[in-house]
Every structure is written in structure tokens, then in C-alpha cells.
Amino acid sequence: MALLCFVLSGSLVAFADEQTGQTEGYRNKKEEYQKEAQAKLKEFEGKMKELKAKAVTLKDESRVKYDQEMKELKKKKAAADKKYAELKTASAKTWEKIKIDLDKAIEDLNRQYDKMMSHFRKT
């Protein structure tokens, strides 16, 4: 009887995990992706500091353009940070969609950064 209860309780726990999507594989995959995304977002903080340091040498018109592009970069960074926050609390059903959105947001950040760095390479 005790063995039957033990087996059934294990089955119920496994069933509950499947129902809520909290499988071990999902958690590991999500945690690994979160760490990668967090590292990429942290890297952007350094890249933004690098851009600010380079901007010290800019003159009037170039400075105005830089300020506009930095504003856009900050907006994209905030959007990526928001998606990262959503990812942290996402369920098994929604995290893949949020992951795709976060990947796009990070890609947008990279494009904006590359665009800004290209101005410094030209000068």
C-alpha cells in the first residue's frame, strides 16, 4: 500500500509539472538563455560607455546627431531590458515567444550600436 501511494504521488508530481510546464528541461533551457541574455545586456552598458567616451571629441553637428542616436540606443536598451524582465517571469507557454522578442531587441541594439560606431570610424 505504501509503495502504491509513493508511486502515485510521484506520478501526480510529474503530472503537475507537465501541466504547469515546469519541466526540468524547460527550466534549464530558460535559465541558460537568461544568463546569456543578461550578459549581452550588461555588455551593452559597456558599449554605451565606450560611445560616450568617444563622443567627447565631437563637434556641433556631429554632437547633435550623436545625441539623437544615443537617445534611440537608450530607448532600444530600455525595450530589451523590459523584455528581459518579462522573460524572467514567463511561463513555459510564453517564454519562447518572449525569447524571440528579446533576441530581436538585442539585434536592434547591435544594429544601432554598429551604426553609431560607424560614424567614429569615418572620422
N, C-alpha and C. Protein backbone atom coordinates (compact mmCIF):
# COMPACT_ATOMS: atom_id res chain seq x y z
N MET A 1 0.83 -1.19 0.00
CA MET A 1 0.00 0.00 0.00
C MET A 1 0.87 1.25 0.00
N ALA A 2 1.91 1.27 0.85
CA ALA A 2 2.80 2.43 0.92
C ALA A 2 3.50 2.64 -0.42
N LEU A 3 3.90 1.53 -1.05
CA LEU A 3 4.57 1.63 -2.34
C LEU A 3 3.63 2.22 -3.39
N LEU A 4 2.38 1.82 -3.35
CA LEU A 4 1.39 2.34 -4.29
C LEU A 4 1.20 3.84 -4.08
N CYS A 5 1.12 4.27 -2.85
CA CYS A 5 0.99 5.70 -2.56
C CYS A 5 2.21 6.47 -3.05
N PHE A 6 3.39 5.90 -2.84
CA PHE A 6 4.64 6.55 -3.27
C PHE A 6 4.66 6.70 -4.79
N VAL A 7 4.30 5.64 -5.49
CA VAL A 7 4.28 5.67 -6.96
C VAL A 7 3.25 6.68 -7.46
N LEU A 8 2.08 6.66 -6.87
CA LEU A 8 1.03 7.59 -7.29
C LEU A 8 1.41 9.04 -7.00
N SER A 9 2.03 9.29 -5.85
CA SER A 9 2.41 10.67 -5.53
C SER A 9 3.47 11.17 -6.51
N GLY A 10 4.39 10.31 -6.91
CA GLY A 10 5.39 10.69 -7.91
C GLY A 10 4.74 10.99 -9.24
N SER A 11 3.75 10.19 -9.60
CA SER A 11 3.03 10.42 -10.86
C SER A 11 2.27 11.73 -10.82
N LEU A 12 1.69 12.04 -9.67
CA LEU A 12 0.96 13.30 -9.55
C LEU A 12 1.89 14.50 -9.65
N VAL A 13 3.06 14.40 -9.05
CA VAL A 13 4.03 15.49 -9.14
C VAL A 13 4.46 15.66 -10.58
N ALA A 14 4.77 14.56 -11.26
CA ALA A 14 5.17 14.64 -12.67
C ALA A 14 4.05 15.22 -13.50
N PHE A 15 2.81 14.82 -13.24
CA PHE A 15 1.66 15.34 -13.96
C PHE A 15 1.51 16.83 -13.71
N ALA A 16 1.68 17.24 -12.47
CA ALA A 16 1.56 18.67 -12.13
C ALA A 16 2.64 19.47 -12.85
N ASP A 17 3.85 18.92 -12.89
CA ASP A 17 4.93 19.61 -13.60
C ASP A 17 4.61 19.75 -15.08
N GLU A 18 4.09 18.69 -15.69
CA GLU A 18 3.73 18.75 -17.10
C GLU A 18 2.62 19.76 -17.33
N GLN A 19 1.66 19.79 -16.45
CA GLN A 19 0.53 20.70 -16.61
C GLN A 19 0.96 22.16 -16.50
N THR A 20 1.89 22.45 -15.63
CA THR A 20 2.33 23.84 -15.45
C THR A 20 3.50 24.17 -16.35
N GLY A 21 4.02 23.17 -17.05
CA GLY A 21 5.14 23.41 -17.95
C GLY A 21 6.46 23.57 -17.24
N GLN A 22 6.53 23.20 -15.98
CA GLN A 22 7.74 23.38 -15.18
C GLN A 22 8.63 22.15 -15.25
N THR A 23 8.90 21.65 -16.42
CA THR A 23 9.79 20.51 -16.54
C THR A 23 11.21 20.96 -16.33
N GLU A 24 12.04 20.04 -15.93
CA GLU A 24 13.45 20.35 -15.65
C GLU A 24 14.13 20.89 -16.90
N GLY A 25 13.86 20.29 -18.05
CA GLY A 25 14.47 20.75 -19.30
C GLY A 25 14.10 22.19 -19.62
N TYR A 26 12.86 22.52 -19.42
CA TYR A 26 12.39 23.90 -19.67
C TYR A 26 13.12 24.86 -18.75
N ARG A 27 13.19 24.52 -17.48
CA ARG A 27 13.85 25.43 -16.52
C ARG A 27 15.32 25.62 -16.86
N ASN A 28 16.01 24.52 -17.18
CA ASN A 28 17.43 24.63 -17.52
C ASN A 28 17.64 25.46 -18.77
N LYS A 29 16.84 25.22 -19.77
CA LYS A 29 16.94 25.96 -21.03
C LYS A 29 16.67 27.44 -20.80
N LYS A 30 15.64 27.73 -20.03
CA LYS A 30 15.28 29.12 -19.75
C LYS A 30 16.38 29.81 -18.94
N GLU A 31 16.88 29.13 -17.91
CA GLU A 31 17.93 29.72 -17.07
C GLU A 31 19.19 29.99 -17.87
N GLU A 32 19.55 29.06 -18.74
CA GLU A 32 20.74 29.23 -19.57
C GLU A 32 20.57 30.44 -20.50
N TYR A 33 19.41 30.54 -21.13
CA TYR A 33 19.15 31.66 -22.02
C TYR A 33 19.15 32.98 -21.23
N GLN A 34 18.56 32.97 -20.05
CA GLN A 34 18.54 34.18 -19.22
C GLN A 34 19.96 34.67 -18.92
N LYS A 35 20.85 33.75 -18.59
CA LYS A 35 22.23 34.12 -18.30
C LYS A 35 22.90 34.73 -19.53
N GLU A 36 22.66 34.13 -20.70
CA GLU A 36 23.24 34.66 -21.94
C GLU A 36 22.69 36.06 -22.24
N ALA A 37 21.39 36.21 -22.11
CA ALA A 37 20.75 37.50 -22.39
C ALA A 37 21.23 38.56 -21.41
N GLN A 38 21.33 38.19 -20.16
CA GLN A 38 21.80 39.13 -19.14
C GLN A 38 23.23 39.59 -19.46
N ALA A 39 24.07 38.66 -19.89
CA ALA A 39 25.46 39.01 -20.24
C ALA A 39 25.49 39.95 -21.43
N LYS A 40 24.65 39.71 -22.43
CA LYS A 40 24.61 40.58 -23.60
C LYS A 40 24.14 41.98 -23.22
N LEU A 41 23.13 42.06 -22.36
CA LEU A 41 22.63 43.38 -21.95
C LEU A 41 23.66 44.12 -21.11
N LYS A 42 24.37 43.40 -20.27
CA LYS A 42 25.43 44.02 -19.47
C LYS A 42 26.56 44.52 -20.38
N GLU A 43 26.86 43.74 -21.40
CA GLU A 43 27.89 44.14 -22.37
C GLU A 43 27.51 45.48 -23.03
N PHE A 44 26.23 45.67 -23.27
CA PHE A 44 25.79 46.92 -23.89
C PHE A 44 26.01 48.13 -22.99
N GLU A 45 25.97 47.92 -21.70
CA GLU A 45 26.27 49.04 -20.80
C GLU A 45 27.70 49.51 -21.03
N GLY A 46 28.61 48.58 -21.21
CA GLY A 46 29.99 48.93 -21.51
C GLY A 46 30.13 49.60 -22.86
N LYS A 47 29.39 49.10 -23.84
CA LYS A 47 29.43 49.68 -25.18
C LYS A 47 28.90 51.11 -25.16
N MET A 48 27.88 51.35 -24.36
CA MET A 48 27.32 52.71 -24.27
C MET A 48 28.33 53.66 -23.62
N LYS A 49 29.06 53.17 -22.63
CA LYS A 49 30.11 53.99 -22.00
C LYS A 49 31.21 54.29 -23.01
N GLU A 50 31.54 53.31 -23.83
CA GLU A 50 32.55 53.50 -24.87
C GLU A 50 32.11 54.60 -25.84
N LEU A 51 30.85 54.56 -26.25
CA LEU A 51 30.33 55.58 -27.16
C LEU A 51 30.39 56.97 -26.52
N LYS A 52 30.02 57.05 -25.25
CA LYS A 52 30.05 58.34 -24.55
C LYS A 52 31.47 58.89 -24.50
N ALA A 53 32.43 58.02 -24.27
CA ALA A 53 33.83 58.46 -24.21
C ALA A 53 34.29 58.98 -25.57
N LYS A 54 33.89 58.32 -26.63
CA LYS A 54 34.26 58.76 -27.97
C LYS A 54 33.56 60.06 -28.35
N ALA A 55 32.38 60.29 -27.82
CA ALA A 55 31.59 61.46 -28.19
C ALA A 55 32.18 62.76 -27.68
N VAL A 56 33.09 62.69 -26.74
CA VAL A 56 33.71 63.89 -26.18
C VAL A 56 34.37 64.73 -27.27
N THR A 57 34.86 64.07 -28.30
CA THR A 57 35.59 64.77 -29.36
C THR A 57 34.69 65.34 -30.46
N LEU A 58 33.41 65.08 -30.40
CA LEU A 58 32.50 65.50 -31.48
C LEU A 58 32.25 67.01 -31.46
N LYS A 59 32.08 67.53 -32.65
CA LYS A 59 31.76 68.95 -32.82
C LYS A 59 30.24 69.12 -32.94
N ASP A 60 29.81 70.35 -33.14
CA ASP A 60 28.39 70.74 -33.09
C ASP A 60 27.42 69.81 -33.81
N GLU A 61 27.49 69.77 -35.14
CA GLU A 61 26.52 69.00 -35.91
C GLU A 61 26.63 67.51 -35.60
N SER A 62 27.85 67.04 -35.50
CA SER A 62 28.06 65.62 -35.17
C SER A 62 27.54 65.31 -33.77
N ARG A 63 27.68 66.24 -32.87
CA ARG A 63 27.22 66.04 -31.49
C ARG A 63 25.70 65.93 -31.44
N VAL A 64 25.01 66.77 -32.22
CA VAL A 64 23.55 66.72 -32.27
C VAL A 64 23.10 65.37 -32.80
N LYS A 65 23.73 64.89 -33.87
CA LYS A 65 23.38 63.59 -34.45
C LYS A 65 23.67 62.47 -33.44
N TYR A 66 24.80 62.57 -32.77
CA TYR A 66 25.15 61.57 -31.75
C TYR A 66 24.09 61.54 -30.65
N ASP A 67 23.69 62.71 -30.17
CA ASP A 67 22.70 62.79 -29.09
C ASP A 67 21.39 62.13 -29.51
N GLN A 68 20.98 62.35 -30.77
CA GLN A 68 19.74 61.74 -31.27
C GLN A 68 19.89 60.21 -31.32
N GLU A 69 21.02 59.76 -31.83
CA GLU A 69 21.23 58.32 -31.95
C GLU A 69 21.40 57.66 -30.58
N MET A 70 22.03 58.37 -29.64
CA MET A 70 22.18 57.82 -28.29
C MET A 70 20.81 57.71 -27.62
N LYS A 71 19.96 58.67 -27.87
CA LYS A 71 18.61 58.63 -27.32
C LYS A 71 17.89 57.38 -27.85
N GLU A 72 18.06 57.12 -29.15
CA GLU A 72 17.45 55.94 -29.76
C GLU A 72 18.05 54.65 -29.18
N LEU A 73 19.35 54.64 -28.97
CA LEU A 73 20.01 53.47 -28.39
C LEU A 73 19.49 53.21 -26.98
N LYS A 74 19.33 54.28 -26.20
CA LYS A 74 18.80 54.12 -24.83
C LYS A 74 17.38 53.59 -24.85
N LYS A 75 16.59 54.03 -25.82
CA LYS A 75 15.21 53.56 -25.94
C LYS A 75 15.21 52.06 -26.27
N LYS A 76 16.09 51.66 -27.18
CA LYS A 76 16.17 50.25 -27.55
C LYS A 76 16.69 49.41 -26.38
N LYS A 77 17.60 49.96 -25.62
CA LYS A 77 18.13 49.25 -24.44
C LYS A 77 17.02 49.07 -23.40
N ALA A 78 16.21 50.10 -23.20
CA ALA A 78 15.10 50.00 -22.25
C ALA A 78 14.09 48.95 -22.71
N ALA A 79 13.83 48.89 -24.01
CA ALA A 79 12.91 47.88 -24.54
C ALA A 79 13.46 46.47 -24.32
N ALA A 80 14.76 46.31 -24.54
CA ALA A 80 15.38 45.00 -24.32
C ALA A 80 15.36 44.63 -22.84
N ASP A 81 15.62 45.60 -21.98
CA ASP A 81 15.57 45.35 -20.53
C ASP A 81 14.16 44.93 -20.10
N LYS A 82 13.17 45.55 -20.70
CA LYS A 82 11.78 45.21 -20.37
C LYS A 82 11.46 43.78 -20.80
N LYS A 83 11.91 43.41 -22.00
CA LYS A 83 11.69 42.04 -22.48
C LYS A 83 12.42 41.04 -21.59
N TYR A 84 13.61 41.42 -21.12
CA TYR A 84 14.36 40.54 -20.22
C TYR A 84 13.59 40.35 -18.91
N ALA A 85 13.02 41.41 -18.39
CA ALA A 85 12.23 41.31 -17.16
C ALA A 85 11.01 40.40 -17.38
N GLU A 86 10.39 40.51 -18.55
CA GLU A 86 9.24 39.66 -18.87
C GLU A 86 9.68 38.20 -18.96
N LEU A 87 10.85 37.98 -19.52
CA LEU A 87 11.37 36.62 -19.66
C LEU A 87 11.56 35.96 -18.31
N LYS A 88 12.06 36.72 -17.35
CA LYS A 88 12.33 36.17 -16.03
C LYS A 88 11.07 35.61 -15.36
N THR A 89 9.92 36.17 -15.66
CA THR A 89 8.68 35.72 -15.03
C THR A 89 7.79 34.93 -15.99
N ALA A 90 8.30 34.63 -17.18
CA ALA A 90 7.49 33.97 -18.20
C ALA A 90 7.20 32.51 -17.84
N SER A 91 6.05 32.07 -18.23
CA SER A 91 5.67 30.66 -18.05
C SER A 91 6.26 29.84 -19.19
N ALA A 92 6.13 28.55 -19.07
CA ALA A 92 6.62 27.65 -20.12
C ALA A 92 5.93 27.93 -21.45
N LYS A 93 4.69 28.34 -21.38
CA LYS A 93 3.92 28.60 -22.59
C LYS A 93 4.34 29.89 -23.29
N THR A 94 4.81 30.86 -22.54
CA THR A 94 5.09 32.18 -23.13
C THR A 94 6.57 32.50 -23.30
N TRP A 95 7.45 31.76 -22.67
CA TRP A 95 8.86 32.17 -22.68
C TRP A 95 9.50 32.10 -24.06
N GLU A 96 9.11 31.14 -24.89
CA GLU A 96 9.69 31.04 -26.24
C GLU A 96 9.36 32.28 -27.06
N LYS A 97 8.13 32.78 -26.96
CA LYS A 97 7.73 33.99 -27.68
C LYS A 97 8.51 35.19 -27.16
N ILE A 98 8.64 35.30 -25.86
CA ILE A 98 9.39 36.42 -25.27
C ILE A 98 10.86 36.31 -25.65
N LYS A 99 11.39 35.10 -25.71
CA LYS A 99 12.78 34.88 -26.12
C LYS A 99 13.00 35.43 -27.52
N ILE A 100 12.08 35.14 -28.43
CA ILE A 100 12.18 35.64 -29.80
C ILE A 100 12.15 37.18 -29.81
N ASP A 101 11.25 37.75 -29.02
CA ASP A 101 11.16 39.22 -28.94
C ASP A 101 12.44 39.82 -28.35
N LEU A 102 13.00 39.16 -27.34
CA LEU A 102 14.24 39.65 -26.73
C LEU A 102 15.40 39.53 -27.71
N ASP A 103 15.46 38.44 -28.44
CA ASP A 103 16.51 38.30 -29.46
C ASP A 103 16.43 39.44 -30.47
N LYS A 104 15.23 39.78 -30.89
CA LYS A 104 15.04 40.89 -31.84
C LYS A 104 15.48 42.22 -31.21
N ALA A 105 15.14 42.41 -29.95
CA ALA A 105 15.51 43.65 -29.26
C ALA A 105 17.03 43.78 -29.15
N ILE A 106 17.70 42.68 -28.86
CA ILE A 106 19.17 42.70 -28.77
C ILE A 106 19.78 42.92 -30.15
N GLU A 107 19.16 42.35 -31.16
CA GLU A 107 19.62 42.58 -32.54
C GLU A 107 19.48 44.06 -32.90
N ASP A 108 18.37 44.67 -32.52
CA ASP A 108 18.18 46.11 -32.75
C ASP A 108 19.25 46.93 -32.04
N LEU A 109 19.59 46.54 -30.83
CA LEU A 109 20.65 47.22 -30.09
C LEU A 109 21.98 47.12 -30.84
N ASN A 110 22.29 45.94 -31.32
CA ASN A 110 23.53 45.75 -32.07
C ASN A 110 23.58 46.61 -33.32
N ARG A 111 22.48 46.66 -34.04
CA ARG A 111 22.43 47.48 -35.27
C ARG A 111 22.63 48.96 -34.94
N GLN A 112 21.95 49.43 -33.90
CA GLN A 112 22.07 50.85 -33.52
C GLN A 112 23.49 51.15 -33.06
N TYR A 113 24.08 50.27 -32.30
CA TYR A 113 25.46 50.46 -31.84
C TYR A 113 26.41 50.50 -33.04
N ASP A 114 26.26 49.54 -33.95
CA ASP A 114 27.12 49.50 -35.13
C ASP A 114 26.98 50.77 -35.96
N LYS A 115 25.76 51.25 -36.07
CA LYS A 115 25.51 52.49 -36.81
C LYS A 115 26.26 53.65 -36.16
N MET A 116 26.18 53.72 -34.85
CA MET A 116 26.85 54.81 -34.14
C MET A 116 28.37 54.68 -34.24
N MET A 117 28.88 53.47 -34.12
CA MET A 117 30.33 53.27 -34.20
C MET A 117 30.84 53.59 -35.60
N SER A 118 30.03 53.37 -36.62
CA SER A 118 30.48 53.65 -37.98
C SER A 118 30.80 55.14 -38.16
N HIS A 119 30.09 56.01 -37.45
CA HIS A 119 30.38 57.45 -37.52
C HIS A 119 31.78 57.76 -36.99
N PHE A 120 32.20 57.04 -35.97
CA PHE A 120 33.51 57.27 -35.38
C PHE A 120 34.62 56.69 -36.28
N ARG A 121 34.30 55.63 -36.99
CA ARG A 121 35.29 55.02 -37.88
C ARG A 121 35.57 55.93 -39.08
N LYS A 122 34.55 56.69 -39.49
CA LYS A 122 34.69 57.59 -40.65
C LYS A 122 35.57 58.80 -40.34
N THR A 123 35.52 59.21 -39.07
CA THR A 123 36.26 60.44 -38.71
C THR A 123 37.65 60.16 -38.26
